[in-house]
Amino acid sequence: MNEILGFVNEKTKVLVILKENQLQIDGKSICPLNQQEIANLVPCGKLKVNQILKELIDDGYVEMLHTKGRYIVTAKAYEVLKKLSFK
């Protein structure tokens, strides 16, 4: 993982983790990690990740696929990450 993540907030860390852990499934880039796995990578609590993901979804940076803990990083998020140099 990018060493710069130690200097950014948890919301940015979650977004970068989602982006860096995507797999191609049915022609879509999907992050298959569940909230506990994301929390372990941040590191923070699962409830904090739940809150952050809700904010990212509400703000249009992430989409949830079938409510099964599968997350898609949106073009809007890629633009933000590009500006932050997390291409």
Protein backbone atom coordinates (compact mmCIF):
# COMPACT_ATOMS: atom_id res chain seq x y z
CA MET A 1 0.00 0.00 0.00
CA ASN A 2 1.10 3.55 -0.65
CA GLU A 3 3.25 4.93 2.20
CA ILE A 4 1.54 8.32 1.88
CA LEU A 5 -1.60 6.75 3.38
CA GLY A 6 -0.07 7.29 6.82
CA PHE A 7 -0.61 11.03 6.32
CA VAL A 8 -4.22 11.07 5.09
CA ASN A 9 -7.56 10.66 6.83
CA GLU A 10 -9.49 7.42 7.20
CA LYS A 11 -12.02 8.32 4.48
CA THR A 12 -9.23 8.67 1.93
CA LYS A 13 -7.63 5.44 3.16
CA VAL A 14 -10.89 3.53 2.67
CA LEU A 15 -11.28 4.92 -0.86
CA VAL A 16 -7.69 4.00 -1.79
CA ILE A 17 -8.09 0.51 -0.30
CA LEU A 18 -11.24 -0.02 -2.37
CA LYS A 19 -9.44 1.14 -5.52
CA GLU A 20 -6.31 -0.93 -4.92
CA ASN A 21 -8.22 -4.15 -4.19
CA GLN A 22 -10.53 -4.23 -7.20
CA LEU A 23 -11.06 -7.36 -9.27
CA GLN A 24 -12.66 -7.68 -12.68
CA ILE A 25 -15.99 -9.47 -12.13
CA ASP A 26 -18.58 -9.64 -14.91
CA GLY A 27 -16.81 -6.82 -16.76
CA LYS A 28 -16.85 -4.47 -13.76
CA SER A 29 -14.08 -3.43 -11.39
CA ILE A 30 -15.37 -4.55 -8.00
CA CYS A 31 -13.73 -4.56 -4.58
CA PRO A 32 -14.71 -7.84 -2.89
CA LEU A 33 -13.44 -6.91 0.59
CA ASN A 34 -15.95 -6.89 3.43
CA GLN A 35 -16.10 -4.13 6.04
CA GLN A 36 -14.00 -6.05 8.58
CA GLU A 37 -11.25 -6.67 6.02
CA ILE A 38 -11.26 -2.97 5.09
CA ALA A 39 -11.15 -2.02 8.80
CA ASN A 40 -8.11 -4.25 9.30
CA LEU A 41 -6.31 -2.51 6.42
CA VAL A 42 -7.09 1.09 7.49
CA PRO A 43 -6.70 0.25 10.56
CA CYS A 44 -9.85 1.27 12.40
CA GLY A 45 -13.06 -0.27 13.70
CA LYS A 46 -15.69 -1.94 11.54
CA LEU A 47 -18.34 0.58 12.63
CA LYS A 48 -16.09 3.45 11.49
CA VAL A 49 -15.70 1.77 8.08
CA ASN A 50 -19.48 1.33 7.90
CA GLN A 51 -19.94 5.07 8.55
CA ILE A 52 -17.26 6.04 6.01
CA LEU A 53 -18.70 3.76 3.32
CA LYS A 54 -22.17 5.22 3.89
CA GLU A 55 -20.74 8.73 3.42
CA LEU A 56 -18.80 7.70 0.30
CA ILE A 57 -21.93 6.08 -1.17
CA ASP A 58 -24.16 9.05 -0.28
CA ASP A 59 -21.62 11.46 -1.83
CA GLY A 60 -21.35 9.42 -5.06
CA TYR A 61 -17.76 8.21 -4.69
CA VAL A 62 -18.64 4.54 -4.23
CA GLU A 63 -21.50 2.32 -5.35
CA MET A 64 -22.57 -0.83 -3.53
CA LEU A 65 -23.41 -3.84 -5.65
CA HIS A 66 -26.36 -5.98 -4.51
CA THR A 67 -25.88 -5.04 -0.82
CA LYS A 68 -23.43 -7.94 -0.54
CA GLY A 69 -20.41 -5.88 0.45
CA ARG A 70 -19.16 -5.49 -3.10
CA TYR A 71 -18.04 -1.96 -3.81
CA ILE A 72 -17.42 -0.08 -7.06
CA VAL A 73 -15.26 3.04 -7.12
CA THR A 74 -16.95 5.69 -9.30
CA ALA A 75 -15.43 8.07 -11.85
CA LYS A 76 -16.01 10.89 -9.35
CA ALA A 77 -13.75 9.08 -6.86
CA TYR A 78 -11.07 8.49 -9.51
CA GLU A 79 -10.99 12.25 -10.17
CA VAL A 80 -10.47 12.99 -6.48
CA LEU A 81 -7.78 10.32 -6.15
CA LYS A 82 -6.06 11.66 -9.25
CA LYS A 83 -5.96 15.14 -7.71
CA LEU A 84 -4.49 13.61 -4.54
CA SER A 85 -1.96 11.67 -6.67
CA PHE A 86 -3.42 8.24 -5.83
CA LYS A 87 -3.81 7.45 -9.54
